[in-house]
């Protein structure tokens, strides 16, 4: 049995979810334990590209940095000894050098192969950056307040909720998010098997997010045969199967220590796409569902871990 120190960009976030799924399959396939480290670099690093490559001045050899970011702006200095793996061409554009493109993983153990897609019209999955008002030091230009909490409208959860309500389909939709007053199920409270069952019970995954480094719900939904209604931009545009909403890239949003990419859309285009999804016939839907599921092999954790194992250069 061997162990690999693995830097994880945060604790209660998608990077930790990626770590947990990846660690499960390293153990299963190779009897290797991934050992999480939040504060120091590791042989494997699952993190944000911009901040890791910009601020970590590391001279160690044979590091693998498996990263994505929703921030824009090229990182010009990348340690020549690093193997840089990112999740999409969009992320690669932000970096001076990319050695490999490898998407985020889906745990194939929980994929529902007999999905019915008959309970919800739309599932909406995503958490907004949030802080208490007393700790609000950075002004995000699109912020809303609920119960003394400031939500940064990056995933556009509130906008999505309002559009579905306007179309009288909110009660046929499921929101898994952290936004109080909107969520039906609170994000991070579901077991992995339950989350996959929710995708399998939904006709479409709907996302209007302004920027994504990868967006794991996309991969999870597609593996369960659930196509998307989605913004045509950032990393999602490279992988998604579904109904595309026209969008264009606008000026980035600067906050914290970076500039967030920013895709915007016309609300009428989003409404038209949602209406089209609602009216889609059985034959067309089944064809789209099968196309989504057919792309799932790209996200299988067993395939991804085999690539990472080779990149980590075990002898």
C-alpha atoms as a PDB file:
ATOM      1  CA  UNK A   1       0.000   0.000   0.000  1.00  0.00           C
ATOM      2  CA  UNK A   2       1.262   3.461  -0.926  1.00  0.00           C
ATOM      3  CA  UNK A   3       0.072   6.967  -0.201  1.00  0.00           C
ATOM      4  CA  UNK A   4       0.036  10.167  -2.255  1.00  0.00           C
ATOM      5  CA  UNK A   5      -0.133  13.559  -0.571  1.00  0.00           C
ATOM      6  CA  UNK A   6      -2.832  15.415  -2.482  1.00  0.00           C
ATOM      7  CA  UNK A   7      -3.438  19.143  -2.253  1.00  0.00           C
ATOM      8  CA  UNK A   8      -7.163  19.985  -2.296  1.00  0.00           C
ATOM      9  CA  UNK A   9      -8.169  23.574  -3.000  1.00  0.00           C
ATOM     10  CA  UNK A  10     -10.868  23.752  -0.296  1.00  0.00           C
ATOM     11  CA  UNK A  11     -12.895  21.587   2.051  1.00  0.00           C
ATOM     12  CA  UNK A  12     -16.640  21.959   1.441  1.00  0.00           C
ATOM     13  CA  UNK A  13     -16.527  22.412  -2.321  1.00  0.00           C
ATOM     14  CA  UNK A  14     -16.317  20.639  -5.674  1.00  0.00           C
ATOM     15  CA  UNK A  15     -12.538  20.152  -5.370  1.00  0.00           C
ATOM     16  CA  UNK A  16     -13.082  18.011  -2.285  1.00  0.00           C
ATOM     17  CA  UNK A  17     -15.781  16.051  -4.104  1.00  0.00           C
ATOM     18  CA  UNK A  18     -13.350  15.399  -6.950  1.00  0.00           C
ATOM     19  CA  UNK A  19     -10.770  14.276  -4.396  1.00  0.00           C
ATOM     20  CA  UNK A  20     -13.161  11.857  -2.688  1.00  0.00           C
ATOM     21  CA  UNK A  21     -14.253  10.217  -5.947  1.00  0.00           C
ATOM     22  CA  UNK A  22     -10.692  10.031  -7.271  1.00  0.00           C
ATOM     23  CA  UNK A  23      -9.356   8.643  -3.987  1.00  0.00           C
ATOM     24  CA  UNK A  24     -11.969   5.877  -4.038  1.00  0.00           C
ATOM     25  CA  UNK A  25     -10.774   4.639  -7.431  1.00  0.00           C
ATOM     26  CA  UNK A  26      -7.036   4.974  -6.698  1.00  0.00           C
ATOM     27  CA  UNK A  27      -7.666   2.670  -3.765  1.00  0.00           C
ATOM     28  CA  UNK A  28      -9.874   0.326  -5.793  1.00  0.00           C
ATOM     29  CA  UNK A  29      -7.594   0.061  -8.840  1.00  0.00           C
ATOM     30  CA  UNK A  30      -4.101   0.420  -7.373  1.00  0.00           C
ATOM     31  CA  UNK A  31      -4.414   0.089  -3.572  1.00  0.00           C
ATOM     32  CA  UNK A  32      -3.047   3.621  -3.267  1.00  0.00           C
ATOM     33  CA  UNK A  33      -4.325   6.024  -0.608  1.00  0.00           C
ATOM     34  CA  UNK A  34      -4.711   9.697  -1.505  1.00  0.00           C
ATOM     35  CA  UNK A  35      -3.868  11.744   1.596  1.00  0.00           C
ATOM     36  CA  UNK A  36      -5.569  15.171   1.557  1.00  0.00           C
ATOM     37  CA  UNK A  37      -3.651  18.339   2.360  1.00  0.00           C
ATOM     38  CA  UNK A  38      -5.374  21.728   2.404  1.00  0.00           C
ATOM     39  CA  UNK A  39      -2.418  23.978   3.182  1.00  0.00           C
ATOM     40  CA  UNK A  40       0.515  22.449   1.331  1.00  0.00           C
ATOM     41  CA  UNK A  41       1.206  21.163  -2.140  1.00  0.00           C
ATOM     42  CA  UNK A  42       1.240  17.470  -2.925  1.00  0.00           C
ATOM     43  CA  UNK A  43       2.407  15.093  -5.620  1.00  0.00           C
ATOM     44  CA  UNK A  44      -1.152  15.469  -6.955  1.00  0.00           C
ATOM     45  CA  UNK A  45      -2.922  18.831  -6.683  1.00  0.00           C
ATOM     46  CA  UNK A  46      -6.681  19.189  -7.236  1.00  0.00           C
ATOM     47  CA  UNK A  47      -7.258  22.904  -7.163  1.00  0.00           C
ATOM     48  CA  UNK A  48      -7.861  26.237  -8.900  1.00  0.00           C
ATOM     49  CA  UNK A  49      -5.425  26.816 -11.781  1.00  0.00           C
ATOM     50  CA  UNK A  50      -5.080  30.548 -11.419  1.00  0.00           C
ATOM     51  CA  UNK A  51      -4.292  30.687  -7.731  1.00  0.00           C
ATOM     52  CA  UNK A  52      -2.143  27.558  -7.480  1.00  0.00           C
ATOM     53  CA  UNK A  53       0.067  28.286 -10.474  1.00  0.00           C
ATOM     54  CA  UNK A  54       0.269  31.993  -9.726  1.00  0.00           C
ATOM     55  CA  UNK A  55       1.197  31.813  -6.048  1.00  0.00           C
ATOM     56  CA  UNK A  56       2.871  28.460  -5.370  1.00  0.00           C
ATOM     57  CA  UNK A  57       6.612  28.814  -5.911  1.00  0.00           C
ATOM     58  CA  UNK A  58       7.535  25.129  -5.808  1.00  0.00           C
ATOM     59  CA  UNK A  59      10.738  23.555  -7.067  1.00  0.00           C
ATOM     60  CA  UNK A  60       9.746  19.927  -6.419  1.00  0.00           C
ATOM     61  CA  UNK A  61       9.864  17.613  -9.397  1.00  0.00           C
ATOM     62  CA  UNK A  62       7.085  15.349 -10.723  1.00  0.00           C
ATOM     63  CA  UNK A  63       4.083  17.305  -9.458  1.00  0.00           C
ATOM     64  CA  UNK A  64       0.765  16.889 -11.246  1.00  0.00           C
ATOM     65  CA  UNK A  65      -1.514  19.946 -11.072  1.00  0.00           C
ATOM     66  CA  UNK A  66      -5.055  18.910 -12.073  1.00  0.00           C
ATOM     67  CA  UNK A  67      -6.912  22.176 -12.066  1.00  0.00           C
ATOM     68  CA  UNK A  68      -9.714  24.318 -13.411  1.00  0.00           C
ATOM     69  CA  UNK A  69     -10.821  27.898 -12.821  1.00  0.00           C
ATOM     70  CA  UNK A  70     -13.720  30.230 -13.529  1.00  0.00           C
ATOM     71  CA  UNK A  71     -11.334  33.172 -13.494  1.00  0.00           C
ATOM     72  CA  UNK A  72      -9.803  34.575 -16.655  1.00  0.00           C
ATOM     73  CA  UNK A  73      -6.371  36.019 -17.377  1.00  0.00           C
ATOM     74  CA  UNK A  74      -3.398  34.016 -18.552  1.00  0.00           C
ATOM     75  CA  UNK A  75      -0.986  32.575 -16.020  1.00  0.00           C
ATOM     76  CA  UNK A  76       2.313  33.238 -17.783  1.00  0.00           C
ATOM     77  CA  UNK A  77       4.671  31.583 -15.318  1.00  0.00           C
ATOM     78  CA  UNK A  78       4.236  27.829 -15.040  1.00  0.00           C
ATOM     79  CA  UNK A  79       6.969  25.767 -13.403  1.00  0.00           C
ATOM     80  CA  UNK A  80       8.584  23.645 -16.122  1.00  0.00           C
ATOM     81  CA  UNK A  81       8.724  20.667 -13.785  1.00  0.00           C
ATOM     82  CA  UNK A  82       4.952  20.579 -13.275  1.00  0.00           C
ATOM     83  CA  UNK A  83       2.681  18.372 -15.327  1.00  0.00           C
ATOM     84  CA  UNK A  84      -0.272  20.685 -15.885  1.00  0.00           C
ATOM     85  CA  UNK A  85      -3.597  18.942 -16.416  1.00  0.00           C
ATOM     86  CA  UNK A  86      -6.730  21.001 -16.870  1.00  0.00           C
ATOM     87  CA  UNK A  87     -10.350  20.114 -17.525  1.00  0.00           C
ATOM     88  CA  UNK A  88     -11.197  21.935 -20.766  1.00  0.00           C
ATOM     89  CA  UNK A  89      -9.861  23.927 -23.694  1.00  0.00           C
ATOM     90  CA  UNK A  90     -11.370  27.028 -22.065  1.00  0.00           C
ATOM     91  CA  UNK A  91      -9.136  26.457 -19.026  1.00  0.00           C
ATOM     92  CA  UNK A  92      -6.120  25.753 -21.220  1.00  0.00           C
ATOM     93  CA  UNK A  93      -6.550  29.203 -22.770  1.00  0.00           C
ATOM     94  CA  UNK A  94      -5.900  30.737 -19.341  1.00  0.00           C
ATOM     95  CA  UNK A  95      -2.535  29.005 -18.953  1.00  0.00           C
ATOM     96  CA  UNK A  96       0.841  29.516 -20.562  1.00  0.00           C
ATOM     97  CA  UNK A  97       1.194  25.754 -20.884  1.00  0.00           C
ATOM     98  CA  UNK A  98      -1.116  22.762 -20.624  1.00  0.00           C
ATOM     99  CA  UNK A  99       0.172  19.195 -20.895  1.00  0.00           C
ATOM    100  CA  UNK A 100      -3.109  17.319 -20.790  1.00  0.00           C
ATOM    101  CA  UNK A 101      -6.876  17.930 -20.789  1.00  0.00           C
ATOM    102  CA  UNK A 102      -8.745  15.614 -18.442  1.00  0.00           C
ATOM    103  CA  UNK A 103     -12.327  16.303 -17.291  1.00  0.00           C
ATOM    104  CA  UNK A 104     -13.631  15.939 -13.764  1.00  0.00           C
ATOM    105  CA  UNK A 105     -14.848  12.461 -12.788  1.00  0.00           C
ATOM    106  CA  UNK A 106     -18.230  10.834 -12.269  1.00  0.00           C
ATOM    107  CA  UNK A 107     -18.454   7.812  -9.975  1.00  0.00           C
ATOM    108  CA  UNK A 108     -19.874   5.228 -12.387  1.00  0.00           C
ATOM    109  CA  UNK A 109     -20.995   3.054  -9.479  1.00  0.00           C
ATOM    110  CA  UNK A 110     -24.010   5.334  -8.941  1.00  0.00           C
ATOM    111  CA  UNK A 111     -25.135   5.887 -12.539  1.00  0.00           C
ATOM    112  CA  UNK A 112     -28.815   4.969 -13.003  1.00  0.00           C
ATOM    113  CA  UNK A 113     -29.078   2.878 -16.155  1.00  0.00           C
ATOM    114  CA  UNK A 114     -32.872   2.590 -16.202  1.00  0.00           C
ATOM    115  CA  UNK A 115     -33.587   6.282 -15.689  1.00  0.00           C
ATOM    116  CA  UNK A 116     -37.232   7.332 -16.114  1.00  0.00           C
ATOM    117  CA  UNK A 117     -36.845  11.137 -16.331  1.00  0.00           C
ATOM    118  CA  UNK A 118     -40.479  11.483 -15.310  1.00  0.00           C
ATOM    119  CA  UNK A 119     -40.643  13.371 -11.999  1.00  0.00           C
ATOM    120  CA  UNK A 120     -39.139  16.814 -12.702  1.00  0.00           C
ATOM    121  CA  UNK A 121     -39.048  18.937 -15.833  1.00  0.00           C
ATOM    122  CA  UNK A 122     -35.827  20.618 -14.709  1.00  0.00           C
ATOM    123  CA  UNK A 123     -33.172  20.039 -12.089  1.00  0.00           C
ATOM    124  CA  UNK A 124     -30.985  22.988 -11.074  1.00  0.00           C
ATOM    125  CA  UNK A 125     -27.761  22.201  -9.217  1.00  0.00           C
ATOM    126  CA  UNK A 126     -25.207  24.698  -7.940  1.00  0.00           C
ATOM    127  CA  UNK A 127     -24.147  26.777  -4.942  1.00  0.00           C
ATOM    128  CA  UNK A 128     -23.535  30.500  -4.921  1.00  0.00           C
ATOM    129  CA  UNK A 129     -20.570  32.085  -3.129  1.00  0.00           C
ATOM    130  CA  UNK A 130     -22.086  33.439   0.090  1.00  0.00           C
ATOM    131  CA  UNK A 131     -21.004  35.401   3.144  1.00  0.00           C
ATOM    132  CA  UNK A 132     -22.604  37.054   6.149  1.00  0.00           C
ATOM    133  CA  UNK A 133     -23.238  40.760   5.707  1.00  0.00           C
ATOM    134  CA  UNK A 134     -20.869  41.617   8.552  1.00  0.00           C
ATOM    135  CA  UNK A 135     -18.065  39.839   6.681  1.00  0.00           C
ATOM    136  CA  UNK A 136     -18.842  41.331   3.284  1.00  0.00           C
ATOM    137  CA  UNK A 137     -15.613  43.080   2.362  1.00  0.00           C
ATOM    138  CA  UNK A 138     -15.671  42.544  -1.386  1.00  0.00           C
ATOM    139  CA  UNK A 139     -18.478  44.085  -3.412  1.00  0.00           C
ATOM    140  CA  UNK A 140     -19.632  41.736  -6.151  1.00  0.00           C
ATOM    141  CA  UNK A 141     -21.576  43.745  -8.750  1.00  0.00           C
ATOM    142  CA  UNK A 142     -24.478  41.280  -8.781  1.00  0.00           C
ATOM    143  CA  UNK A 143     -25.231  40.489  -5.147  1.00  0.00           C
ATOM    144  CA  UNK A 144     -28.569  39.788  -3.462  1.00  0.00           C
ATOM    145  CA  UNK A 145     -29.442  39.555   0.218  1.00  0.00           C
ATOM    146  CA  UNK A 146     -31.529  36.833   1.881  1.00  0.00           C
ATOM    147  CA  UNK A 147     -31.745  36.469   5.674  1.00  0.00           C
ATOM    148  CA  UNK A 148     -28.676  38.657   6.250  1.00  0.00           C
ATOM    149  CA  UNK A 149     -26.603  36.604   3.845  1.00  0.00           C
ATOM    150  CA  UNK A 150     -25.030  38.063   0.721  1.00  0.00           C
ATOM    151  CA  UNK A 151     -25.130  35.749  -2.293  1.00  0.00           C
ATOM    152  CA  UNK A 152     -22.894  36.445  -5.294  1.00  0.00           C
ATOM    153  CA  UNK A 153     -25.056  35.731  -8.339  1.00  0.00           C
ATOM    154  CA  UNK A 154     -22.433  33.687 -10.239  1.00  0.00           C
ATOM    155  CA  UNK A 155     -24.535  30.578 -10.836  1.00  0.00           C
ATOM    156  CA  UNK A 156     -27.623  32.751 -11.445  1.00  0.00           C
ATOM    157  CA  UNK A 157     -29.743  30.534  -9.188  1.00  0.00           C
ATOM    158  CA  UNK A 158     -32.116  33.382  -8.362  1.00  0.00           C
ATOM    159  CA  UNK A 159     -32.507  34.276 -12.056  1.00  0.00           C
ATOM    160  CA  UNK A 160     -33.226  30.656 -12.949  1.00  0.00           C
ATOM    161  CA  UNK A 161     -35.806  30.395 -10.169  1.00  0.00           C
ATOM    162  CA  UNK A 162     -37.571  33.557 -11.352  1.00  0.00           C
ATOM    163  CA  UNK A 163     -37.717  32.421 -14.989  1.00  0.00           C
ATOM    164  CA  UNK A 164     -39.154  29.014 -14.084  1.00  0.00           C
ATOM    165  CA  UNK A 165     -41.681  30.691 -11.811  1.00  0.00           C
ATOM    166  CA  UNK A 166     -42.648  33.044 -14.636  1.00  0.00           C
ATOM    167  CA  UNK A 167     -43.222  30.025 -16.903  1.00  0.00           C
ATOM    168  CA  UNK A 168     -45.321  28.258 -14.232  1.00  0.00           C
ATOM    169  CA  UNK A 169     -42.938  25.323 -14.085  1.00  0.00           C
ATOM    170  CA  UNK A 170     -41.184  26.039 -10.781  1.00  0.00           C
ATOM    171  CA  UNK A 171     -43.308  23.433  -8.981  1.00  0.00           C
ATOM    172  CA  UNK A 172     -42.176  20.837 -11.538  1.00  0.00           C
ATOM    173  CA  UNK A 173     -38.514  21.655 -10.969  1.00  0.00           C
ATOM    174  CA  UNK A 174     -35.987  20.626  -8.333  1.00  0.00           C
ATOM    175  CA  UNK A 175     -33.424  23.077  -6.944  1.00  0.00           C
ATOM    176  CA  UNK A 176     -30.398  21.611  -5.158  1.00  0.00           C
ATOM    177  CA  UNK A 177     -28.550  24.686  -3.973  1.00  0.00           C
ATOM    178  CA  UNK A 178     -27.463  26.667  -0.924  1.00  0.00           C
ATOM    179  CA  UNK A 179     -29.700  29.691  -1.563  1.00  0.00           C
ATOM    180  CA  UNK A 180     -32.201  30.044   1.267  1.00  0.00           C
ATOM    181  CA  UNK A 181     -35.801  30.498   0.222  1.00  0.00           C
ATOM    182  CA  UNK A 182     -35.084  28.788  -3.103  1.00  0.00           C
ATOM    183  CA  UNK A 183     -33.620  25.347  -2.445  1.00  0.00           C
ATOM    184  CA  UNK A 184     -35.813  22.250  -2.341  1.00  0.00           C
ATOM    185  CA  UNK A 185     -32.870  20.214  -1.144  1.00  0.00           C
ATOM    186  CA  UNK A 186     -29.839  21.879   0.370  1.00  0.00           C
ATOM    187  CA  UNK A 187     -26.585  21.413  -1.517  1.00  0.00           C
ATOM    188  CA  UNK A 188     -24.022  19.019   0.004  1.00  0.00           C
ATOM    189  CA  UNK A 189     -26.690  17.201   2.068  1.00  0.00           C
ATOM    190  CA  UNK A 190     -27.343  14.421  -0.449  1.00  0.00           C
ATOM    191  CA  UNK A 191     -25.531  11.126  -0.625  1.00  0.00           C
ATOM    192  CA  UNK A 192     -23.952  10.454  -4.022  1.00  0.00           C
ATOM    193  CA  UNK A 193     -26.464   7.713  -4.828  1.00  0.00           C
ATOM    194  CA  UNK A 194     -29.402   9.995  -4.019  1.00  0.00           C
ATOM    195  CA  UNK A 195     -28.021  12.800  -6.171  1.00  0.00           C
ATOM    196  CA  UNK A 196     -27.773  10.477  -9.170  1.00  0.00           C
ATOM    197  CA  UNK A 197     -31.358   9.337  -8.586  1.00  0.00           C
ATOM    198  CA  UNK A 198     -32.470  12.975  -8.775  1.00  0.00           C
ATOM    199  CA  UNK A 199     -30.730  13.438 -12.124  1.00  0.00           C
ATOM    200  CA  UNK A 200     -32.349  10.238 -13.374  1.00  0.00           C
ATOM    201  CA  UNK A 201     -35.771  11.563 -12.338  1.00  0.00           C
ATOM    202  CA  UNK A 202     -35.348  14.831 -14.272  1.00  0.00           C
ATOM    203  CA  UNK A 203     -35.835  15.571 -17.960  1.00  0.00           C
ATOM    204  CA  UNK A 204     -33.257  18.372 -18.173  1.00  0.00           C
ATOM    205  CA  UNK A 205     -30.458  19.943 -16.151  1.00  0.00           C
ATOM    206  CA  UNK A 206     -30.841  23.730 -16.435  1.00  0.00           C
ATOM    207  CA  UNK A 207     -27.882  26.058 -15.913  1.00  0.00           C
ATOM    208  CA  UNK A 208     -27.533  29.777 -16.638  1.00  0.00           C
ATOM    209  CA  UNK A 209     -24.170  30.140 -14.870  1.00  0.00           C
ATOM    210  CA  UNK A 210     -22.061  33.109 -15.953  1.00  0.00           C
ATOM    211  CA  UNK A 211     -18.774  31.198 -15.627  1.00  0.00           C
ATOM    212  CA  UNK A 212     -17.589  27.655 -14.900  1.00  0.00           C
ATOM    213  CA  UNK A 213     -14.207  25.978 -14.756  1.00  0.00           C
ATOM    214  CA  UNK A 214     -15.871  22.646 -15.480  1.00  0.00           C
ATOM    215  CA  UNK A 215     -19.312  22.155 -13.784  1.00  0.00           C
ATOM    216  CA  UNK A 216     -19.572  18.618 -12.416  1.00  0.00           C
ATOM    217  CA  UNK A 217     -23.414  18.468 -12.480  1.00  0.00           C
ATOM    218  CA  UNK A 218     -23.171  18.551 -16.284  1.00  0.00           C
ATOM    219  CA  UNK A 219     -21.160  15.322 -16.342  1.00  0.00           C
ATOM    220  CA  UNK A 220     -23.293  13.677 -13.653  1.00  0.00           C
ATOM    221  CA  UNK A 221     -26.533  14.535 -15.441  1.00  0.00           C
ATOM    222  CA  UNK A 222     -25.312  13.359 -18.852  1.00  0.00           C
ATOM    223  CA  UNK A 223     -24.163  10.029 -17.410  1.00  0.00           C
ATOM    224  CA  UNK A 224     -27.738   9.483 -16.253  1.00  0.00           C
ATOM    225  CA  UNK A 225     -29.104  10.357 -19.696  1.00  0.00           C
ATOM    226  CA  UNK A 226     -30.250  13.832 -18.640  1.00  0.00           C
ATOM    227  CA  UNK A 227     -29.467  16.458 -21.306  1.00  0.00           C
ATOM    228  CA  UNK A 228     -28.915  20.135 -20.536  1.00  0.00           C
ATOM    229  CA  UNK A 229     -30.453  23.481 -21.231  1.00  0.00           C
ATOM    230  CA  UNK A 230     -27.347  25.607 -20.910  1.00  0.00           C
ATOM    231  CA  UNK A 231     -25.461  28.821 -21.573  1.00  0.00           C
ATOM    232  CA  UNK A 232     -23.254  28.522 -24.649  1.00  0.00           C
ATOM    233  CA  UNK A 233     -19.951  29.555 -23.140  1.00  0.00           C
ATOM    234  CA  UNK A 234     -17.012  28.579 -20.891  1.00  0.00           C
ATOM    235  CA  UNK A 235     -16.191  24.909 -20.220  1.00  0.00           C
ATOM    236  CA  UNK A 236     -19.780  23.663 -20.426  1.00  0.00           C
ATOM    237  CA  UNK A 237     -19.935  24.497 -24.120  1.00  0.00           C
ATOM    238  CA  UNK A 238     -17.203  21.938 -24.853  1.00  0.00           C
ATOM    239  CA  UNK A 239     -18.958  18.925 -23.353  1.00  0.00           C
ATOM    240  CA  UNK A 240     -22.693  19.557 -23.000  1.00  0.00           C
ATOM    241  CA  UNK A 241     -25.364  17.712 -24.955  1.00  0.00           C
ATOM    242  CA  UNK A 242     -28.696  19.482 -24.969  1.00  0.00           C
ATOM    243  CA  UNK A 243     -30.339  22.774 -25.878  1.00  0.00           C
ATOM    244  CA  UNK A 244     -27.866  25.633 -26.174  1.00  0.00           C
ATOM    245  CA  UNK A 245     -28.744  29.206 -25.195  1.00  0.00           C
ATOM    246  CA  UNK A 246     -26.845  31.773 -27.228  1.00  0.00           C
ATOM    247  CA  UNK A 247     -24.493  33.853 -25.082  1.00  0.00           C
ATOM    248  CA  UNK A 248     -21.523  36.130 -25.521  1.00  0.00           C
ATOM    249  CA  UNK A 249     -18.504  36.873 -23.408  1.00  0.00           C
ATOM    250  CA  UNK A 250     -18.629  40.256 -21.723  1.00  0.00           C
ATOM    251  CA  UNK A 251     -16.127  42.172 -19.614  1.00  0.00           C
ATOM    252  CA  UNK A 252     -14.911  40.098 -16.674  1.00  0.00           C
ATOM    253  CA  UNK A 253     -15.890  40.782 -13.064  1.00  0.00           C
ATOM    254  CA  UNK A 254     -13.005  41.641 -10.760  1.00  0.00           C
ATOM    255  CA  UNK A 255     -13.290  40.626  -7.120  1.00  0.00           C
ATOM    256  CA  UNK A 256     -11.120  38.969  -4.493  1.00  0.00           C
ATOM    257  CA  UNK A 257      -7.806  38.553  -6.303  1.00  0.00           C
ATOM    258  CA  UNK A 258      -8.907  37.735  -9.809  1.00  0.00           C
ATOM    259  CA  UNK A 259     -11.210  38.561 -12.691  1.00  0.00           C
ATOM    260  CA  UNK A 260     -14.102  36.193 -13.201  1.00  0.00           C
ATOM    261  CA  UNK A 261     -15.117  35.324 -16.740  1.00  0.00           C
ATOM    262  CA  UNK A 262     -18.586  36.572 -17.593  1.00  0.00           C
ATOM    263  CA  UNK A 263     -20.963  35.161 -20.202  1.00  0.00           C
ATOM    264  CA  UNK A 264     -24.271  36.960 -20.613  1.00  0.00           C
ATOM    265  CA  UNK A 265     -27.446  36.027 -22.443  1.00  0.00           C
ATOM    266  CA  UNK A 266     -30.772  37.500 -23.492  1.00  0.00           C
ATOM    267  CA  UNK A 267     -33.578  36.371 -21.179  1.00  0.00           C
ATOM    268  CA  UNK A 268     -35.867  35.847 -24.175  1.00  0.00           C
ATOM    269  CA  UNK A 269     -33.400  33.310 -25.599  1.00  0.00           C
ATOM    270  CA  UNK A 270     -33.371  31.445 -22.285  1.00  0.00           C
ATOM    271  CA  UNK A 271     -37.164  31.416 -22.114  1.00  0.00           C
ATOM    272  CA  UNK A 272     -37.405  30.159 -25.695  1.00  0.00           C
ATOM    273  CA  UNK A 273     -34.939  27.344 -24.952  1.00  0.00           C
ATOM    274  CA  UNK A 274     -36.808  26.316 -21.798  1.00  0.00           C
ATOM    275  CA  UNK A 275     -40.132  26.334 -23.648  1.00  0.00           C
ATOM    276  CA  UNK A 276     -38.619  24.220 -26.415  1.00  0.00           C
ATOM    277  CA  UNK A 277     -37.414  21.708 -23.813  1.00  0.00           C
ATOM    278  CA  UNK A 278     -40.852  21.590 -22.205  1.00  0.00           C
ATOM    279  CA  UNK A 279     -42.515  20.910 -25.550  1.00  0.00           C
ATOM    280  CA  UNK A 280     -40.027  18.331 -26.813  1.00  0.00           C
ATOM    281  CA  UNK A 281     -41.633  15.103 -27.978  1.00  0.00           C
ATOM    282  CA  UNK A 282     -40.750  11.638 -26.721  1.00  0.00           C
ATOM    283  CA  UNK A 283     -38.782  10.511 -29.766  1.00  0.00           C
ATOM    284  CA  UNK A 284     -36.649  13.656 -29.944  1.00  0.00           C
ATOM    285  CA  UNK A 285     -36.075  13.593 -26.187  1.00  0.00           C
ATOM    286  CA  UNK A 286     -35.033   9.931 -26.131  1.00  0.00           C
ATOM    287  CA  UNK A 287     -32.563  10.573 -28.942  1.00  0.00           C
ATOM    288  CA  UNK A 288     -31.051  13.530 -27.055  1.00  0.00           C
ATOM    289  CA  UNK A 289     -30.943  11.524 -23.828  1.00  0.00           C
ATOM    290  CA  UNK A 290     -29.029   8.705 -25.519  1.00  0.00           C
ATOM    291  CA  UNK A 291     -26.570  11.182 -27.042  1.00  0.00           C
ATOM    292  CA  UNK A 292     -25.929  12.621 -23.581  1.00  0.00           C
ATOM    293  CA  UNK A 293     -25.377   9.185 -22.054  1.00  0.00           C
ATOM    294  CA  UNK A 294     -23.074   8.188 -24.919  1.00  0.00           C
ATOM    295  CA  UNK A 295     -20.620  10.924 -23.848  1.00  0.00           C
ATOM    296  CA  UNK A 296     -20.381   9.565 -20.309  1.00  0.00           C
ATOM    297  CA  UNK A 297     -17.299   7.426 -20.925  1.00  0.00           C
ATOM    298  CA  UNK A 298     -15.243  10.642 -20.904  1.00  0.00           C
ATOM    299  CA  UNK A 299     -16.152  11.172 -17.256  1.00  0.00           C
ATOM    300  CA  UNK A 300     -15.780   7.643 -15.862  1.00  0.00           C
ATOM    301  CA  UNK A 301     -13.515   7.835 -12.832  1.00  0.00           C
ATOM    302  CA  UNK A 302     -11.858   4.508 -13.619  1.00  0.00           C
ATOM    303  CA  UNK A 303     -10.693   5.849 -16.997  1.00  0.00           C
ATOM    304  CA  UNK A 304      -9.565   9.168 -15.530  1.00  0.00           C
ATOM    305  CA  UNK A 305      -7.639   7.564 -12.655  1.00  0.00           C
ATOM    306  CA  UNK A 306      -5.734   5.336 -15.075  1.00  0.00           C
ATOM    307  CA  UNK A 307      -4.530   8.444 -16.901  1.00  0.00           C
ATOM    308  CA  UNK A 308      -3.573  10.180 -13.648  1.00  0.00           C
ATOM    309  CA  UNK A 309      -1.664   7.097 -12.511  1.00  0.00           C
ATOM    310  CA  UNK A 310       0.486   7.232 -15.648  1.00  0.00           C
ATOM    311  CA  UNK A 311       1.018  10.978 -15.323  1.00  0.00           C
ATOM    312  CA  UNK A 312       2.131  10.582 -11.714  1.00  0.00           C
ATOM    313  CA  UNK A 313       4.953   8.455 -13.117  1.00  0.00           C
ATOM    314  CA  UNK A 314       4.885   5.454 -10.793  1.00  0.00           C
ATOM    315  CA  UNK A 315       7.715   3.027 -11.330  1.00  0.00           C
END
